[in-house]
Protein backbone atom coordinates (compact mmCIF):
# COMPACT_ATOMS: atom_id res chain seq x y z
CA UNK A 1 83.04 108.06 82.81
CA UNK A 2 84.70 111.30 81.72
CA UNK A 3 86.57 113.09 84.49
CA UNK A 4 86.11 116.76 83.66
CA UNK A 5 86.05 118.47 87.05
CA UNK A 6 86.46 117.71 90.74
CA UNK A 7 82.77 116.97 91.13
CA UNK A 8 83.29 114.03 88.75
CA UNK A 9 86.13 112.67 90.88
CA UNK A 10 83.99 113.05 93.99
CA UNK A 11 81.07 111.15 92.46
CA UNK A 12 83.44 108.45 91.27
CA UNK A 13 84.98 108.11 94.71
CA UNK A 14 81.62 107.77 96.45
CA UNK A 15 80.88 104.74 94.29
CA UNK A 16 84.07 102.90 95.15
CA UNK A 17 84.99 103.65 98.76
CA UNK A 18 83.33 101.62 101.54
CA UNK A 19 80.40 103.64 102.87
CA UNK A 20 81.92 104.15 106.32
CA UNK A 21 85.18 105.40 104.81
CA UNK A 22 83.31 107.71 102.43
CA UNK A 23 81.29 109.09 105.32
CA UNK A 24 84.47 109.73 107.31
CA UNK A 25 86.06 111.75 104.51
CA UNK A 26 82.97 113.48 103.15
CA UNK A 27 80.98 114.05 106.32
CA UNK A 28 80.69 117.12 108.51
CA UNK A 29 79.58 117.95 112.02
CA UNK A 30 75.90 117.74 113.00
CA UNK A 31 73.72 118.91 110.05
CA UNK A 32 76.77 119.56 107.80
CA UNK A 33 75.62 123.17 107.41
CA UNK A 34 79.15 124.59 107.72
CA UNK A 35 80.55 122.04 105.28
CA UNK A 36 77.93 122.96 102.68
CA UNK A 37 78.19 126.68 103.38
CA UNK A 38 81.87 126.57 102.44
CA UNK A 39 80.85 125.49 98.95
CA UNK A 40 77.85 127.78 98.56
CA UNK A 41 79.66 130.92 99.71
CA UNK A 42 81.95 130.85 96.68
CA UNK A 43 78.91 130.85 94.40
CA UNK A 44 77.74 134.17 95.83
CA UNK A 45 80.88 135.92 94.67
CA UNK A 46 80.78 137.15 91.09
CA UNK A 47 83.76 137.97 88.89
CA UNK A 48 84.29 141.27 87.10
CA UNK A 49 86.56 140.20 84.24
CA UNK A 50 88.80 142.65 82.42
CA UNK A 51 89.47 142.02 78.74
CA UNK A 52 92.20 142.70 76.19
CA UNK A 53 94.96 141.76 78.59
CA UNK A 54 97.93 139.71 77.44
CA UNK A 55 97.63 136.33 79.17
CA UNK A 56 99.75 134.38 76.71
CA UNK A 57 102.43 133.85 79.36
CA UNK A 58 101.11 133.05 82.83
CA UNK A 59 103.35 132.90 85.87
CA UNK A 60 101.53 131.51 88.90
CA UNK A 61 104.55 131.19 91.19
CA UNK A 62 104.33 132.59 94.70
CA UNK A 63 106.25 132.37 97.96
CA UNK A 64 104.92 131.09 101.28
CA UNK A 65 107.02 131.31 104.45
CA UNK A 66 110.04 132.04 102.30
CA UNK A 67 109.69 129.02 100.00
CA UNK A 68 108.70 129.39 96.36
CA UNK A 69 105.87 127.20 95.08
CA UNK A 70 104.75 126.85 91.47
CA UNK A 71 101.16 128.01 92.00
CA UNK A 72 99.09 129.23 94.97
CA UNK A 73 97.36 125.96 95.81
CA UNK A 74 98.68 123.69 98.54
CA UNK A 75 97.47 120.39 99.96
CA UNK A 76 95.78 120.52 103.36
CA UNK A 77 96.29 117.81 105.99
CA UNK A 78 93.92 114.87 105.61
CA UNK A 79 94.01 112.14 108.23
CA UNK A 80 94.25 108.40 107.54
CA UNK A 81 94.78 108.88 103.79
CA UNK A 82 95.76 105.24 103.33
CA UNK A 83 92.09 104.29 103.49
CA UNK A 84 91.87 105.79 99.98
CA UNK A 85 95.22 104.61 98.66
CA UNK A 86 97.74 102.17 100.16
CA UNK A 87 100.60 104.66 99.87
CA UNK A 88 98.42 107.38 101.36
CA UNK A 89 100.43 110.38 102.50
CA UNK A 90 103.56 109.28 100.64
CA UNK A 91 101.61 109.35 97.39
CA UNK A 92 100.31 112.84 98.22
CA UNK A 93 103.79 114.08 99.09
CA UNK A 94 105.15 112.76 95.79
CA UNK A 95 102.40 114.55 93.86
CA UNK A 96 102.99 117.81 95.73
CA UNK A 97 106.71 117.54 95.08
CA UNK A 98 106.13 116.90 91.38
CA UNK A 99 103.89 119.96 91.19
CA UNK A 100 106.36 122.00 93.30
CA UNK A 101 103.75 123.02 95.82
CA UNK A 102 103.21 122.71 99.58
CA UNK A 103 101.92 119.64 101.39
CA UNK A 104 100.87 119.73 105.04
CA UNK A 105 101.35 116.26 106.50
CA UNK A 106 98.79 115.26 109.12
CA UNK A 107 99.46 114.21 112.70
CA UNK A 108 97.02 111.36 111.94
CA UNK A 109 99.09 110.07 109.03
CA UNK A 110 99.23 106.39 108.22
CA UNK A 111 102.72 106.83 106.77
CA UNK A 112 105.66 107.86 108.92
CA UNK A 113 107.05 111.39 109.04
CA UNK A 114 110.32 109.96 107.74
CA UNK A 115 108.71 108.27 104.72
CA UNK A 116 106.72 111.38 103.83
CA UNK A 117 109.61 113.83 103.93
CA UNK A 118 111.89 111.38 102.11
CA UNK A 119 109.92 111.93 98.89
CA UNK A 120 109.60 115.69 99.34
CA UNK A 121 112.45 117.91 98.24
CA UNK A 122 110.52 121.16 98.60
CA UNK A 123 107.80 122.65 100.77
CA UNK A 124 106.58 120.11 103.31
CA UNK A 125 104.89 121.35 106.51
CA UNK A 126 103.57 119.39 109.49
CA UNK A 127 100.14 119.73 111.12
CA UNK A 128 100.18 119.39 114.89
CA UNK A 129 97.67 118.90 117.71
CA UNK A 130 98.46 119.67 121.32
CA UNK A 131 97.87 116.58 123.46
CA UNK A 132 97.28 116.17 127.16
CA UNK A 133 100.53 114.27 127.29
CA UNK A 134 102.75 117.15 126.34
CA UNK A 135 105.75 114.92 125.77
CA UNK A 136 103.92 113.50 122.72
CA UNK A 137 103.54 116.97 121.26
CA UNK A 138 107.09 117.93 122.20
CA UNK A 139 108.60 114.84 120.60
CA UNK A 140 106.65 115.42 117.40
CA UNK A 141 107.92 119.00 117.24
CA UNK A 142 111.48 117.81 117.71
CA UNK A 143 111.10 115.12 115.06
CA UNK A 144 109.69 117.38 112.36
CA UNK A 145 112.45 119.91 112.93
CA UNK A 146 115.20 117.29 112.69
CA UNK A 147 113.65 115.76 109.56
CA UNK A 148 113.59 119.04 107.66
CA UNK A 149 109.94 120.02 107.66
CA UNK A 150 109.62 123.72 106.83
CA UNK A 151 106.82 124.86 109.14
CA UNK A 152 104.55 123.81 111.98
CA UNK A 153 100.79 124.11 111.41
CA UNK A 154 98.99 124.04 114.75
CA UNK A 155 95.31 123.08 114.57
CA UNK A 156 93.49 125.23 117.12
CA UNK A 157 89.82 124.38 116.52
CA UNK A 158 89.71 120.87 118.01
CA UNK A 159 89.42 121.07 121.79
CA UNK A 160 87.10 118.09 121.30
CA UNK A 161 86.31 115.97 118.25
CA UNK A 162 83.28 117.35 116.39
CA UNK A 163 79.96 115.55 116.54
CA UNK A 164 80.15 113.72 113.24
CA UNK A 165 76.89 111.84 113.12
CA UNK A 166 77.77 109.48 110.29
CA UNK A 167 80.92 108.35 112.07
CA UNK A 168 78.90 107.75 115.23
CA UNK A 169 76.26 105.82 113.29
CA UNK A 170 78.93 103.75 111.54
CA UNK A 171 80.89 103.25 114.77
CA UNK A 172 83.89 104.31 112.69
CA UNK A 173 87.25 102.78 113.53
CA UNK A 174 90.56 102.84 111.76
CA UNK A 175 90.83 99.67 109.63
CA UNK A 176 92.81 97.00 111.45
CA UNK A 177 95.51 96.81 108.77
CA UNK A 178 96.42 100.50 109.16
CA UNK A 179 98.49 102.15 111.88
CA UNK A 180 98.83 105.75 112.96
CA UNK A 181 102.57 105.95 112.53
CA UNK A 182 103.13 109.06 114.64
CA UNK A 183 101.86 107.47 117.85
CA UNK A 184 104.34 104.76 118.63
CA UNK A 185 104.72 106.34 122.08
CA UNK A 186 101.19 105.17 122.93
CA UNK A 187 102.38 101.57 122.71
CA UNK A 188 103.50 101.99 126.29
CA UNK A 189 99.93 102.56 127.38
CA UNK A 190 97.91 99.78 128.94
CA UNK A 191 95.11 98.52 126.66
CA UNK A 192 96.48 100.74 123.90
CA UNK A 193 94.82 100.54 120.48
CA UNK A 194 95.26 102.50 117.28
CA UNK A 195 92.00 104.37 117.70
CA UNK A 196 93.21 105.94 120.94
CA UNK A 197 94.54 109.16 119.34
CA UNK A 198 91.12 109.75 117.74
CA UNK A 199 89.48 109.88 121.15
CA UNK A 200 88.80 113.04 123.12
CA UNK A 201 90.78 111.50 125.98
CA UNK A 202 94.12 112.41 124.37
CA UNK A 203 93.35 115.88 122.98
CA UNK A 204 93.90 118.72 125.41
CA UNK A 205 90.79 120.94 125.73
CA UNK A 206 92.70 123.25 128.07
CA UNK A 207 95.00 124.63 125.33
CA UNK A 208 95.30 128.43 125.47
CA UNK A 209 97.38 131.18 123.91
CA UNK A 210 100.11 130.50 126.47
CA UNK A 211 100.64 127.14 124.76
CA UNK A 212 101.48 128.94 121.54
CA UNK A 213 104.26 130.64 123.48
CA UNK A 214 105.33 127.20 124.74
CA UNK A 215 105.50 125.86 121.19
CA UNK A 216 107.55 128.85 120.13
CA UNK A 217 110.02 127.99 122.87
CA UNK A 218 110.43 124.49 121.40
CA UNK A 219 111.27 125.39 117.81
CA UNK A 220 112.39 128.11 115.47
CA UNK A 221 110.18 126.78 112.68
CA UNK A 222 107.47 129.16 111.45
CA UNK A 223 104.24 128.55 113.38
CA UNK A 224 100.96 128.78 111.48
CA UNK A 225 97.61 128.58 113.25
CA UNK A 226 94.92 126.60 111.43
CA UNK A 227 91.33 127.22 112.47
CA UNK A 228 91.10 131.01 112.92
CA UNK A 229 87.66 132.43 112.04
CA UNK A 230 87.43 135.82 113.79
CA UNK A 231 89.33 139.09 113.67
CA UNK A 232 89.75 138.97 117.46
CA UNK A 233 91.62 135.67 117.30
CA UNK A 234 93.60 136.87 114.28
CA UNK A 235 94.78 139.87 116.28
CA UNK A 236 95.75 137.60 119.17
CA UNK A 237 97.64 135.35 116.78
CA UNK A 238 99.73 138.30 115.59
CA UNK A 239 100.28 139.43 119.17
CA UNK A 240 101.59 135.98 120.08
CA UNK A 241 104.16 136.01 117.31
CA UNK A 242 102.92 133.41 114.84
CA UNK A 243 104.03 133.61 111.23
CA UNK A 244 100.82 132.61 109.47
CA UNK A 245 97.10 131.90 109.71
CA UNK A 246 94.99 129.39 107.83
CA UNK A 247 91.41 130.63 107.83
CA UNK A 248 89.64 127.31 108.31
CA UNK A 249 86.56 125.73 109.85
CA UNK A 250 88.04 122.22 109.54
CA UNK A 251 86.01 121.52 106.42
CA UNK A 252 82.83 121.86 108.48
CA UNK A 253 83.85 118.82 110.53
CA UNK A 254 84.13 120.53 113.93
CA UNK A 255 81.56 123.18 114.89
CA UNK A 256 78.43 123.35 112.77
CA UNK A 257 76.78 126.73 112.21
CA UNK A 258 79.93 128.79 111.71
CA UNK A 259 80.59 131.06 108.74
CA UNK A 260 82.17 129.86 105.53
CA UNK A 261 85.88 130.53 105.46
CA UNK A 262 85.70 132.73 102.36
CA UNK A 263 83.09 134.88 104.15
CA UNK A 264 85.40 135.71 107.07
CA UNK A 265 88.62 135.98 105.07
CA UNK A 266 88.30 139.78 104.56
CA UNK A 267 87.96 140.54 108.29
CA UNK A 268 90.95 138.33 109.09
CA UNK A 269 93.08 140.13 106.51
CA UNK A 270 91.99 143.51 107.81
CA UNK A 271 92.84 142.49 111.36
CA UNK A 272 96.39 141.25 110.65
CA UNK A 273 97.28 144.18 108.34
CA UNK A 274 99.89 142.19 106.43
CA UNK A 275 101.80 141.32 109.63
CA UNK A 276 101.50 137.59 108.86
CA UNK A 277 100.68 135.54 105.79
CA UNK A 278 97.04 134.49 105.51
CA UNK A 279 95.84 131.35 103.73
CA UNK A 280 92.38 129.82 103.41
CA UNK A 281 90.85 126.38 102.96
CA UNK A 282 87.30 125.01 102.72
CA UNK A 283 84.99 124.62 99.72
CA UNK A 284 87.57 125.24 96.98
CA UNK A 285 86.60 123.12 94.01
CA UNK A 286 87.56 125.05 90.86
CA UNK A 287 90.12 127.48 89.54
CA UNK A 288 87.72 130.38 89.83
CA UNK A 289 87.36 129.64 93.56
CA UNK A 290 91.13 130.03 93.86
CA UNK A 291 90.91 133.30 91.95
CA UNK A 292 88.23 134.62 94.31
CA UNK A 293 90.30 133.78 97.39
CA UNK A 294 93.41 135.40 95.93
CA UNK A 295 91.45 138.48 94.90
CA UNK A 296 90.23 138.89 98.48
CA UNK A 297 93.83 138.81 99.65
CA UNK A 298 94.74 135.22 100.52
CA UNK A 299 98.38 134.37 99.89
CA UNK A 300 97.56 130.76 99.03
CA UNK A 301 94.68 128.29 99.32
CA UNK A 302 94.71 124.70 100.56
CA UNK A 303 92.53 121.80 99.41
CA UNK A 304 91.76 118.63 101.36
CA UNK A 305 88.91 116.35 100.31
CA UNK A 306 89.61 116.65 96.54
CA UNK A 307 93.01 115.08 97.12
CA UNK A 308 91.30 112.03 98.62
CA UNK A 309 89.08 111.80 95.54
CA UNK A 310 92.20 111.83 93.36
CA UNK A 311 93.87 109.12 95.43
CA UNK A 312 90.85 106.86 95.15
CA UNK A 313 90.61 107.35 91.40
CA UNK A 314 94.31 106.56 91.04
CA UNK A 315 93.84 103.26 92.89
CA UNK A 316 90.67 102.14 91.13
CA UNK A 317 91.57 103.16 87.59
CA UNK A 318 95.33 102.82 87.88
CA UNK A 319 95.96 106.18 86.22
CA UNK A 320 97.58 109.44 87.24
CA UNK A 321 95.72 111.96 85.09
CA UNK A 322 93.96 113.84 87.88
CA UNK A 323 95.38 117.18 86.77
CA UNK A 324 92.13 118.87 85.73
CA UNK A 325 92.10 121.08 88.80
CA UNK A 326 95.69 122.14 88.23
CA UNK A 327 95.10 122.98 84.59
CA UNK A 328 92.07 125.13 85.47
CA UNK A 329 94.12 127.01 88.04
CA UNK A 330 96.98 127.58 85.64
CA UNK A 331 94.64 129.14 83.10
CA UNK A 332 94.00 132.04 85.49
CA UNK A 333 95.51 135.47 85.20
CA UNK A 334 98.88 136.35 86.69
CA UNK A 335 98.72 136.51 90.50
CA UNK A 336 100.19 140.02 90.45
CA UNK A 337 97.07 141.32 88.68
CA UNK A 338 94.53 139.78 91.05
CA UNK A 339 92.75 142.01 93.59
CA UNK A 340 89.31 142.67 95.05
CA UNK A 341 88.28 144.81 92.08
CA UNK A 342 87.74 141.56 90.16
CA UNK A 343 84.85 140.65 92.44
CA UNK A 344 81.35 141.62 93.38
CA UNK A 345 78.96 139.91 95.78
CA UNK A 346 75.46 138.55 95.25
CA UNK A 347 73.41 138.33 98.45
């Protein structure tokens, strides 16, 4: 099977992962409308290409939170990556380091924070949830700072786990041979098991903007909020002193029926007025999708599920040639020449 684009890797992965694992990675909340809308929204945006421009030398470098990366595509946090590849997050971190781009390690990693950062010499961030047991959150913040992570990405759209029907139908559980390495503290709990952190019992649904202030008191790392979808919340984020926003609907895995991230990106950018850096994830599957997000004003985009497809292909085929996406991106025009005049919308 020829692997030409990310859709090919996705189809390949569906054939080889156990169905329950595939459903966990690929599924969305309820009817999966938001998941699918992320993809479809990019198709409504048309390009207005300019010609006779010298593109013989392309420089895709950019800077996020003061760190230079080689091109404006980072790797979003994906939980329990070792279900796709034994090395899981370590393998992802190595790939991101080789490509000189940003990797956001997940709270729900199956590799330790220490092992992940050990193979990353560049831009490695950490994604954080706020738990009912605040000492868990506090200890994680202290660990990532001491280990040299460059930023803290706080997920703000999970007061409760989304209603993911396939996971419920499959009675999904973390495979017995895998451990969530960031939750050793839970070993003190009676009747503790490794699925505990996936339960609503440990996530704090009472988190408010005052908790962002609390996190700021714990660290001097840049704080980026992941899960902002409205201009009102973007304005509040700026007011509470964060350094960045990831426009995200959690890949359509949390609240079904929300807008696609690319649809709300313009209002977020207008609201923050360049006070903080704005990134976007959700539905990005080709280089032209990256171009559209950059043209609308995003500083960088992040991809999640496609990385899982690449991990699975690497394991099954034993190869490391999953660079199609990167090559498409690098064929784009210089970032400095990208703006909204390249686009038009089809409704």
